[in-house]
Amino acid sequence: MSFKKLVNPNNETSDNDSSDFERMLADSFGQADKRVSSGDRIKAEVLSVGKENVIVSTGTRFDGFVAAEQLLDENGESTVKVGDMIDLFVTYVKGAQVFLSPSPTSKNLADDISDAFAKNLPVEGRVEGVNKGGFDVLIHGKKTFCPIGQMDLKRIEKPEEYVGQKHHFMISQITEGGRNVVVSRRKILEEGQSQALASFQDQRQVGDKVTGKVTRVENFGAFIEISPGLEGLAHVSELSWARVNNPNDVIKTGDVVSAQILRIENDGKRLKISLTLKQAANDPWNNLPSTVSSGRVVQGKVTRIAPFGAFVELAPGVDGLVPLSEMSATKRVATADEVVKAGETITVLVKNVDTAARRISLSIKGAVDQAASLSEETDIREYRASEAARAKSSPSGQGDLASKLQAALDKQKN
C-alpha cells in the first residue's frame, strides 16, 4: 500500500497536496534528528518579538530564545521583525531550550582564528596595549600577541603610539589548543610592499616628480613614503638649496612634500630609492636677486667657516665665498674665525658672480674700503654744500672763502 493511499484513502486531495504533505512530514522527521550545540553558528528566522525575548526558528524541532536587549539599536528600538533571517550563535543548550546570541562565543572566536590560520587569511585586530617584547592585540574578542619586530617594517621607537590603532594581521602560530596565538602585521606589509615595488618599477623612472609623506627624520636625511609601503631617502644634502646642518630645521615627520627621483637601485632583495627635494623646487641660481651683482655691497649670514675662508649666504640657497685674503685690509688673517663667526650677519662687497660655475667672490675689506670712500665723498659734498650756503648768506654774496681770496689778491697787487 502506498503512503499516499494510507494518508488519503478517499483521494479527496490532489497529488500536489499529497506531495507537499509528504515533504513537510519528511522535514519534520529531519528536524527531529537535527541537533545544535554550543558554539554553532546558524541562520535563524524571527518568529516573534517580545519585550524580554525574541523567539527564532533554529532549524530543529526546538525554537530558540534571544534576549531582546541584544537586538536593540542605540535608541532602544528592536533591530529585527517577524520574518527576518538573522545570523546567531548558540550560547548553550539546556534540554529543549536553545539559547542564542548575535555575539560569537569563545568557541566561535577560536574557530574563526583557526580558520584564518588554516586558510592563511588576514584578520582585523585592535592594539590594546604594550607588554615586554611586543603588543597585546584583540582579535575577534580574543587577546593575541604580536612581537614588536612583527608590528611594522621600520624600527619602532615609541611602541605606545600604536595603542588604540586597528590593523590587519596574519596568524603566525596557534599553540596550547588555541589558548596562545601569535600574530604578525609585518607579513601583510611586506606583501603590500612587494606589490608596490612591482607597480612602482613599471610606472616610475629617474627624474619623475612624486608626492610623499615624511615618515622619519634622521641626522643623515629624511625617509619619505611615496607609495603605500614604499619609502625613499632624501639625503640631507638634497633637502634644500640652502646648506642644512640639521634636517629637523627644514623638514618634520608628517610633512607632505614634493620630491624628484634621483636613483632607483634594485639589489635583488629590496628597492633603494634616492630622492631630492631641492631639485623638485625652483633653483635660486636661476633667479638671483638684483642686489647680488658685481660692485654691490650687501649683507649676508656666515653659514660655514672653511680653512680657506668663510661662506656667506646672500639669498636662500645662494652662498658666496670670502677668501682669507679678502678678510681684512689691516692685518694678515690666518683663519676666518679671527674675523667672523658662523651665524653672524656681515657686510660684504660682491666682487664677481659666475652663475655657470655657481660661484660668487666676496670681500669684507672691499666693503670697508667702499664704505670709507663713500664716507669721504659724503664729507666733500657736505663741505661744498655748506660753503655754498655761506656764500649766499654773506653781504658780498661771496662768503668767507671768497672774501679771503679777494683780500689775498688785493695784497698781491699792492
Foldseek 3Di string as FASTA:
>chain_A
DDPLCVVPVPCPDDPVVSVVVVVVVVLLVVLQPDDDFAQDKAWWFFAAQDQAWTWTPRSHPAIATEGQQLQADPVRHGPDHGGDIDIWGFHGDDVRYTYIHNQGDPSNQLVVLVVCQVVVHKFKWAFAAADVQFTFIATSNATATEGQPQEEPDRDDDVVVRHGDMDIWTWDDADDSRNYTYIGPNVVLVVVLVVVVVVCVVPDDAFDKFKFFFADADQQFTWTDRDRSDIATEGQPQEALARDRGRVVRDDGGDIAMWGWHDWDDPPPDIYTYIHRHVVDDQCLVPDDPQQAAFHKAKFFFADWDQQFTWTDRDGNAIETEGQVQQAPPDRDRGHVVRDDHGDMAIWGFHHQDSVVSYTYIHRHVRVVVVVVVVVVVVVVVVVVVLQVQLCVDPVSGHDVVVVVVVVVVVVVD
